[in-house]
């Protein structure tokens, strides 16, 4: 129970930069690389 409370408290006390980094860490790499143009578009569409 205390571990849960610590995690919740840690989330609430994060800086905006820490929240951003946490979001990036859980984003699939394919989504990031596709948004940067690493994956070519399909030519049949």
C-alpha atoms as a PDB file:
ATOM      1  CA  UNK A   1       0.000   0.000   0.000  1.00  0.00           C
ATOM      2  CA  UNK A   2       2.811   2.421   0.833  1.00  0.00           C
ATOM      3  CA  UNK A   3       4.551   1.658  -2.468  1.00  0.00           C
ATOM      4  CA  UNK A   4       1.397   2.712  -4.328  1.00  0.00           C
ATOM      5  CA  UNK A   5       1.215   5.948  -2.340  1.00  0.00           C
ATOM      6  CA  UNK A   6       4.873   6.677  -3.113  1.00  0.00           C
ATOM      7  CA  UNK A   7       4.276   6.181  -6.853  1.00  0.00           C
ATOM      8  CA  UNK A   8       1.238   8.465  -6.827  1.00  0.00           C
ATOM      9  CA  UNK A   9       3.137  11.112  -4.879  1.00  0.00           C
ATOM     10  CA  UNK A  10       6.097  10.853  -7.261  1.00  0.00           C
ATOM     11  CA  UNK A  11       3.795  11.426 -10.251  1.00  0.00           C
ATOM     12  CA  UNK A  12       2.232  14.502  -8.671  1.00  0.00           C
ATOM     13  CA  UNK A  13       5.582  16.065  -7.796  1.00  0.00           C
ATOM     14  CA  UNK A  14       7.236  15.595 -11.210  1.00  0.00           C
ATOM     15  CA  UNK A  15       8.471  18.578 -13.141  1.00  0.00           C
ATOM     16  CA  UNK A  16       7.041  19.114 -16.650  1.00  0.00           C
ATOM     17  CA  UNK A  17      10.342  17.891 -18.131  1.00  0.00           C
ATOM     18  CA  UNK A  18      10.190  14.666 -16.100  1.00  0.00           C
ATOM     19  CA  UNK A  19       6.602  14.052 -17.236  1.00  0.00           C
ATOM     20  CA  UNK A  20       7.659  14.616 -20.852  1.00  0.00           C
ATOM     21  CA  UNK A  21      10.541  12.147 -20.507  1.00  0.00           C
ATOM     22  CA  UNK A  22       8.243   9.555 -18.932  1.00  0.00           C
ATOM     23  CA  UNK A  23       5.792   9.909 -21.828  1.00  0.00           C
ATOM     24  CA  UNK A  24       8.599   9.492 -24.361  1.00  0.00           C
ATOM     25  CA  UNK A  25       9.888   6.408 -22.561  1.00  0.00           C
ATOM     26  CA  UNK A  26       6.509   4.697 -22.947  1.00  0.00           C
ATOM     27  CA  UNK A  27       5.964   5.737 -26.605  1.00  0.00           C
ATOM     28  CA  UNK A  28       6.777   2.996 -29.152  1.00  0.00           C
ATOM     29  CA  UNK A  29       9.871   3.802 -31.210  1.00  0.00           C
ATOM     30  CA  UNK A  30       8.017   3.162 -34.489  1.00  0.00           C
ATOM     31  CA  UNK A  31       5.585   5.985 -33.697  1.00  0.00           C
ATOM     32  CA  UNK A  32       8.424   8.418 -33.031  1.00  0.00           C
ATOM     33  CA  UNK A  33      10.441   7.427 -36.104  1.00  0.00           C
ATOM     34  CA  UNK A  34       7.348   7.540 -38.353  1.00  0.00           C
ATOM     35  CA  UNK A  35       6.541  11.046 -37.171  1.00  0.00           C
ATOM     36  CA  UNK A  36      10.097  12.054 -38.108  1.00  0.00           C
ATOM     37  CA  UNK A  37       9.702  10.605 -41.619  1.00  0.00           C
ATOM     38  CA  UNK A  38      11.804   7.474 -41.208  1.00  0.00           C
ATOM     39  CA  UNK A  39       9.159   5.168 -42.707  1.00  0.00           C
ATOM     40  CA  UNK A  40       8.371   5.656 -46.399  1.00  0.00           C
ATOM     41  CA  UNK A  41       4.757   6.069 -47.431  1.00  0.00           C
ATOM     42  CA  UNK A  42       3.121   3.153 -49.216  1.00  0.00           C
ATOM     43  CA  UNK A  43       3.096   3.736 -52.976  1.00  0.00           C
ATOM     44  CA  UNK A  44      -0.158   1.847 -53.636  1.00  0.00           C
ATOM     45  CA  UNK A  45      -2.362   4.321 -51.809  1.00  0.00           C
END
